[in-house]
N, C-alpha and C. Protein backbone atom coordinates (compact mmCIF):
# COMPACT_ATOMS: atom_id res chain seq x y z
N MET A 1 106.88 146.43 62.73
CA MET A 1 107.64 145.47 63.47
C MET A 1 106.73 144.18 63.72
N ARG A 2 107.02 143.07 63.71
CA ARG A 2 106.27 141.92 63.60
C ARG A 2 106.50 141.44 64.80
N ARG A 3 105.60 141.05 65.60
CA ARG A 3 105.53 140.26 67.00
C ARG A 3 105.48 138.84 67.19
N ARG A 4 106.40 138.39 67.59
CA ARG A 4 106.46 136.78 67.49
C ARG A 4 106.16 136.40 68.98
N CYS A 5 105.49 135.37 69.10
CA CYS A 5 105.30 134.74 70.47
C CYS A 5 105.14 133.32 70.53
N ALA A 6 105.30 132.83 71.60
CA ALA A 6 105.37 131.40 71.91
C ALA A 6 103.86 130.80 71.65
N LEU A 7 103.86 129.42 71.09
CA LEU A 7 102.66 129.08 70.55
C LEU A 7 101.73 128.75 72.00
N HIS A 8 100.62 129.08 71.91
CA HIS A 8 99.67 128.90 73.03
C HIS A 8 99.28 127.53 73.47
N VAL A 9 99.44 127.08 74.78
CA VAL A 9 99.25 125.56 74.94
C VAL A 9 98.44 125.85 76.39
N PRO A 10 97.64 124.50 76.61
CA PRO A 10 97.12 124.83 78.11
C PRO A 10 97.86 124.33 79.05
N LYS A 11 97.50 125.12 80.21
CA LYS A 11 98.33 125.17 81.35
C LYS A 11 98.65 123.81 81.77
N GLY A 12 100.00 123.75 82.03
CA GLY A 12 100.56 122.81 82.27
C GLY A 12 101.10 122.04 81.04
N GLN A 13 101.26 122.30 80.02
CA GLN A 13 101.41 121.56 78.78
C GLN A 13 102.86 122.30 78.48
N LEU A 14 103.70 121.29 77.84
CA LEU A 14 104.73 122.12 76.96
C LEU A 14 104.33 122.32 75.40
N PRO A 15 104.75 123.34 74.54
CA PRO A 15 104.33 123.42 73.50
C PRO A 15 105.12 122.63 72.52
N PRO A 16 104.87 122.33 71.47
CA PRO A 16 105.54 121.43 70.46
C PRO A 16 106.96 121.95 70.35
N ALA A 17 107.99 120.63 70.24
CA ALA A 17 109.22 121.15 70.10
C ALA A 17 109.53 121.21 68.71
N CYS A 18 110.24 122.01 68.13
CA CYS A 18 111.13 122.18 67.01
C CYS A 18 111.42 120.60 66.43
N PRO A 19 110.84 120.36 65.16
CA PRO A 19 111.21 119.00 64.56
C PRO A 19 112.70 118.93 64.07
N TYR A 20 113.35 119.85 64.24
CA TYR A 20 114.67 120.07 63.77
C TYR A 20 115.70 120.03 64.71
N CYS A 21 115.68 120.88 65.69
CA CYS A 21 116.58 120.97 66.91
C CYS A 21 116.14 120.73 68.18
N ARG A 22 114.70 119.84 68.39
CA ARG A 22 114.15 119.55 69.54
C ARG A 22 113.95 120.26 70.91
N THR A 23 114.29 121.61 70.35
CA THR A 23 114.12 122.84 71.68
C THR A 23 112.63 123.51 71.26
N TYR A 24 112.01 123.93 72.50
CA TYR A 24 110.77 124.80 72.43
C TYR A 24 110.95 126.26 71.97
N SER A 25 111.54 126.39 70.95
CA SER A 25 111.93 127.94 70.27
C SER A 25 110.84 128.03 69.25
N ILE A 26 109.94 127.43 68.92
CA ILE A 26 109.17 128.00 67.65
C ILE A 26 108.16 129.01 68.33
N ARG A 27 108.41 130.00 67.47
CA ARG A 27 107.41 131.41 67.78
C ARG A 27 106.63 131.44 66.48
N LEU A 28 105.37 132.41 66.65
CA LEU A 28 104.48 132.28 66.01
C LEU A 28 104.11 134.12 65.52
N ALA A 29 104.05 134.19 64.42
CA ALA A 29 103.60 135.80 64.10
C ALA A 29 101.94 135.37 63.85
N GLN A 30 101.23 136.08 65.00
CA GLN A 30 99.95 136.03 64.93
C GLN A 30 99.25 136.44 63.80
N GLU A 31 99.56 137.61 63.14
CA GLU A 31 98.90 138.30 62.25
C GLU A 31 99.14 137.46 61.20
N SER A 32 100.07 136.62 60.61
CA SER A 32 100.02 135.98 59.66
C SER A 32 99.85 134.31 59.75
N GLY A 33 99.93 133.99 60.85
CA GLY A 33 100.26 132.59 61.20
C GLY A 33 101.53 131.59 60.89
N ARG A 34 102.58 132.45 60.56
CA ARG A 34 103.82 131.80 60.16
C ARG A 34 104.56 131.53 61.50
N VAL A 35 105.22 130.52 61.29
CA VAL A 35 106.00 129.89 62.42
C VAL A 35 107.45 130.03 61.91
N THR A 36 108.22 129.86 63.22
CA THR A 36 109.80 130.16 62.93
C THR A 36 110.55 129.53 64.06
N CYS A 37 111.56 128.72 64.17
CA CYS A 37 112.44 128.44 65.15
C CYS A 37 113.17 129.49 65.49
N PHE A 38 113.54 129.90 66.61
CA PHE A 38 114.46 130.99 66.73
C PHE A 38 115.53 130.71 67.48
N ASN A 39 116.03 129.40 67.46
CA ASN A 39 117.18 128.74 68.02
C ASN A 39 118.21 129.06 67.00
N VAL A 40 119.05 130.03 67.07
CA VAL A 40 119.69 130.64 66.18
C VAL A 40 120.92 129.22 65.22
N LYS A 41 121.10 128.28 66.12
CA LYS A 41 121.86 127.20 65.49
C LYS A 41 120.90 126.04 64.65
N CYS A 42 119.70 126.33 64.66
CA CYS A 42 118.62 125.35 64.16
C CYS A 42 118.59 125.47 62.55
N GLU A 43 118.62 124.45 62.11
CA GLU A 43 118.51 124.52 60.51
C GLU A 43 117.77 123.24 59.93
N ASP A 44 117.04 123.53 59.05
CA ASP A 44 116.01 122.50 58.16
C ASP A 44 117.12 121.66 57.29
N GLU A 45 116.61 120.40 56.73
CA GLU A 45 117.15 119.89 55.76
C GLU A 45 117.73 120.67 54.54
N ASN A 46 117.20 121.90 54.52
CA ASN A 46 117.88 122.58 53.23
C ASN A 46 119.05 123.96 53.63
N GLY A 47 119.23 123.41 55.11
CA GLY A 47 120.56 124.17 55.71
C GLY A 47 119.85 125.80 56.01
N GLU A 48 118.55 125.96 56.14
CA GLU A 48 118.05 127.29 56.51
C GLU A 48 117.27 127.20 57.58
N ARG A 49 116.90 128.50 58.37
CA ARG A 49 116.14 128.59 59.33
C ARG A 49 114.82 128.05 59.23
N PRO A 50 114.20 127.05 60.19
CA PRO A 50 112.88 126.60 59.70
C PRO A 50 112.20 127.49 59.90
N ARG A 51 111.08 127.38 58.75
CA ARG A 51 110.11 128.37 58.57
C ARG A 51 108.57 127.77 58.08
N GLY A 52 107.54 127.94 58.42
CA GLY A 52 106.32 127.45 58.19
C GLY A 52 105.02 128.22 58.41
N ARG A 53 104.17 127.44 58.45
CA ARG A 53 102.67 128.05 58.84
C ARG A 53 101.92 127.06 60.11
N ILE A 54 100.99 127.88 60.67
CA ILE A 54 100.10 127.04 61.42
C ILE A 54 98.71 126.66 60.43
N ASP A 55 98.29 125.56 60.32
CA ASP A 55 97.00 125.16 59.21
C ASP A 55 96.25 124.31 60.15
N LYS A 56 95.24 123.78 59.43
CA LYS A 56 94.53 122.92 59.94
C LYS A 56 94.39 121.68 59.36
N ASN A 57 94.66 120.47 60.28
CA ASN A 57 94.43 119.25 59.36
C ASN A 57 92.96 119.28 58.68
N GLN A 58 93.00 118.76 57.58
CA GLN A 58 91.69 118.69 56.63
C GLN A 58 91.09 117.56 57.18
N LEU A 59 91.36 116.66 57.96
CA LEU A 59 90.64 115.23 58.17
C LEU A 59 89.74 115.61 59.40
N ASP A 60 90.28 116.25 60.56
CA ASP A 60 89.79 116.51 61.65
C ASP A 60 89.79 117.83 62.19
N GLY A 61 90.51 118.54 61.66
CA GLY A 61 90.35 120.13 61.97
C GLY A 61 91.32 120.48 63.03
N THR A 62 92.42 119.72 63.55
CA THR A 62 93.26 119.74 64.55
C THR A 62 94.33 120.50 63.89
N PRO A 63 94.96 121.47 65.17
CA PRO A 63 95.82 122.32 64.46
C PRO A 63 97.03 121.65 63.90
N MET A 64 97.91 122.12 63.09
CA MET A 64 99.24 121.38 62.69
C MET A 64 100.12 122.51 62.18
N LEU A 65 101.64 122.25 62.32
CA LEU A 65 102.53 123.28 61.68
C LEU A 65 102.93 122.52 60.61
N THR A 66 103.15 123.22 59.55
CA THR A 66 103.61 122.87 57.76
C THR A 66 104.65 123.34 57.74
N TRP A 67 105.71 122.69 57.55
CA TRP A 67 107.28 123.39 57.44
C TRP A 67 107.53 123.62 55.79
N ALA A 68 108.36 124.51 55.42
CA ALA A 68 108.70 124.71 54.15
C ALA A 68 109.13 123.69 53.44
N ASP A 69 109.83 122.84 54.08
CA ASP A 69 110.44 121.70 53.48
C ASP A 69 109.60 120.37 53.43
N GLY A 70 108.02 120.65 53.58
CA GLY A 70 107.28 119.46 53.47
C GLY A 70 106.90 118.85 54.73
N ARG A 71 107.58 118.98 56.01
CA ARG A 71 107.33 118.21 56.88
C ARG A 71 106.34 118.67 57.76
N THR A 72 105.62 117.89 58.49
CA THR A 72 104.33 118.52 59.11
C THR A 72 104.39 117.97 60.75
N THR A 73 104.01 118.89 61.81
CA THR A 73 104.07 118.62 63.00
C THR A 73 102.63 118.90 63.57
N TYR A 74 101.99 117.92 64.11
CA TYR A 74 100.92 117.95 64.70
C TYR A 74 100.83 118.77 66.03
N TYR A 75 99.84 119.43 66.24
CA TYR A 75 100.09 120.38 67.35
C TYR A 75 98.40 120.70 67.92
N TYR A 76 98.61 120.15 69.36
CA TYR A 76 97.29 119.94 69.90
C TYR A 76 96.76 120.90 70.68
N GLY A 77 97.68 122.41 70.70
CA GLY A 77 97.60 123.39 71.86
C GLY A 77 96.22 124.11 71.64
N GLN A 78 95.87 124.36 70.34
CA GLN A 78 94.57 125.30 70.40
C GLN A 78 94.43 125.11 68.89
N GLU A 79 93.10 125.52 68.52
CA GLU A 79 92.60 125.60 67.45
C GLU A 79 93.35 126.35 66.54
N ALA A 80 93.53 125.77 65.31
CA ALA A 80 93.85 126.92 64.32
C ALA A 80 93.00 128.07 63.82
N SER A 81 93.35 129.39 63.54
CA SER A 81 92.00 130.15 62.76
C SER A 81 92.21 130.41 61.56
C-alpha cells in the first residue's frame, strides 16, 4: 500500500495550494516523489484527478511540482530529493 502524506513545510507556513482547486489537498508518495490532489471534486484541464511529481528547478535547484498537463508549481518548503 502506498502511503501518502502532506508536503513538508517549515513550521508556521502553509503548503502549496493545488493549482486547480486552490485547496491544500496535495499529497506526496514519498517513495516515488509523485503528487496527487486528494480533493475528490478536483480536476485538471483534461478532466482528470491532478497528478504530477516533485522535481528540482534546473536553474537554481529549488523544489517544484510538475503536473501531468504541463503546469508547474514552485514549492519552497524543502529541497527535492
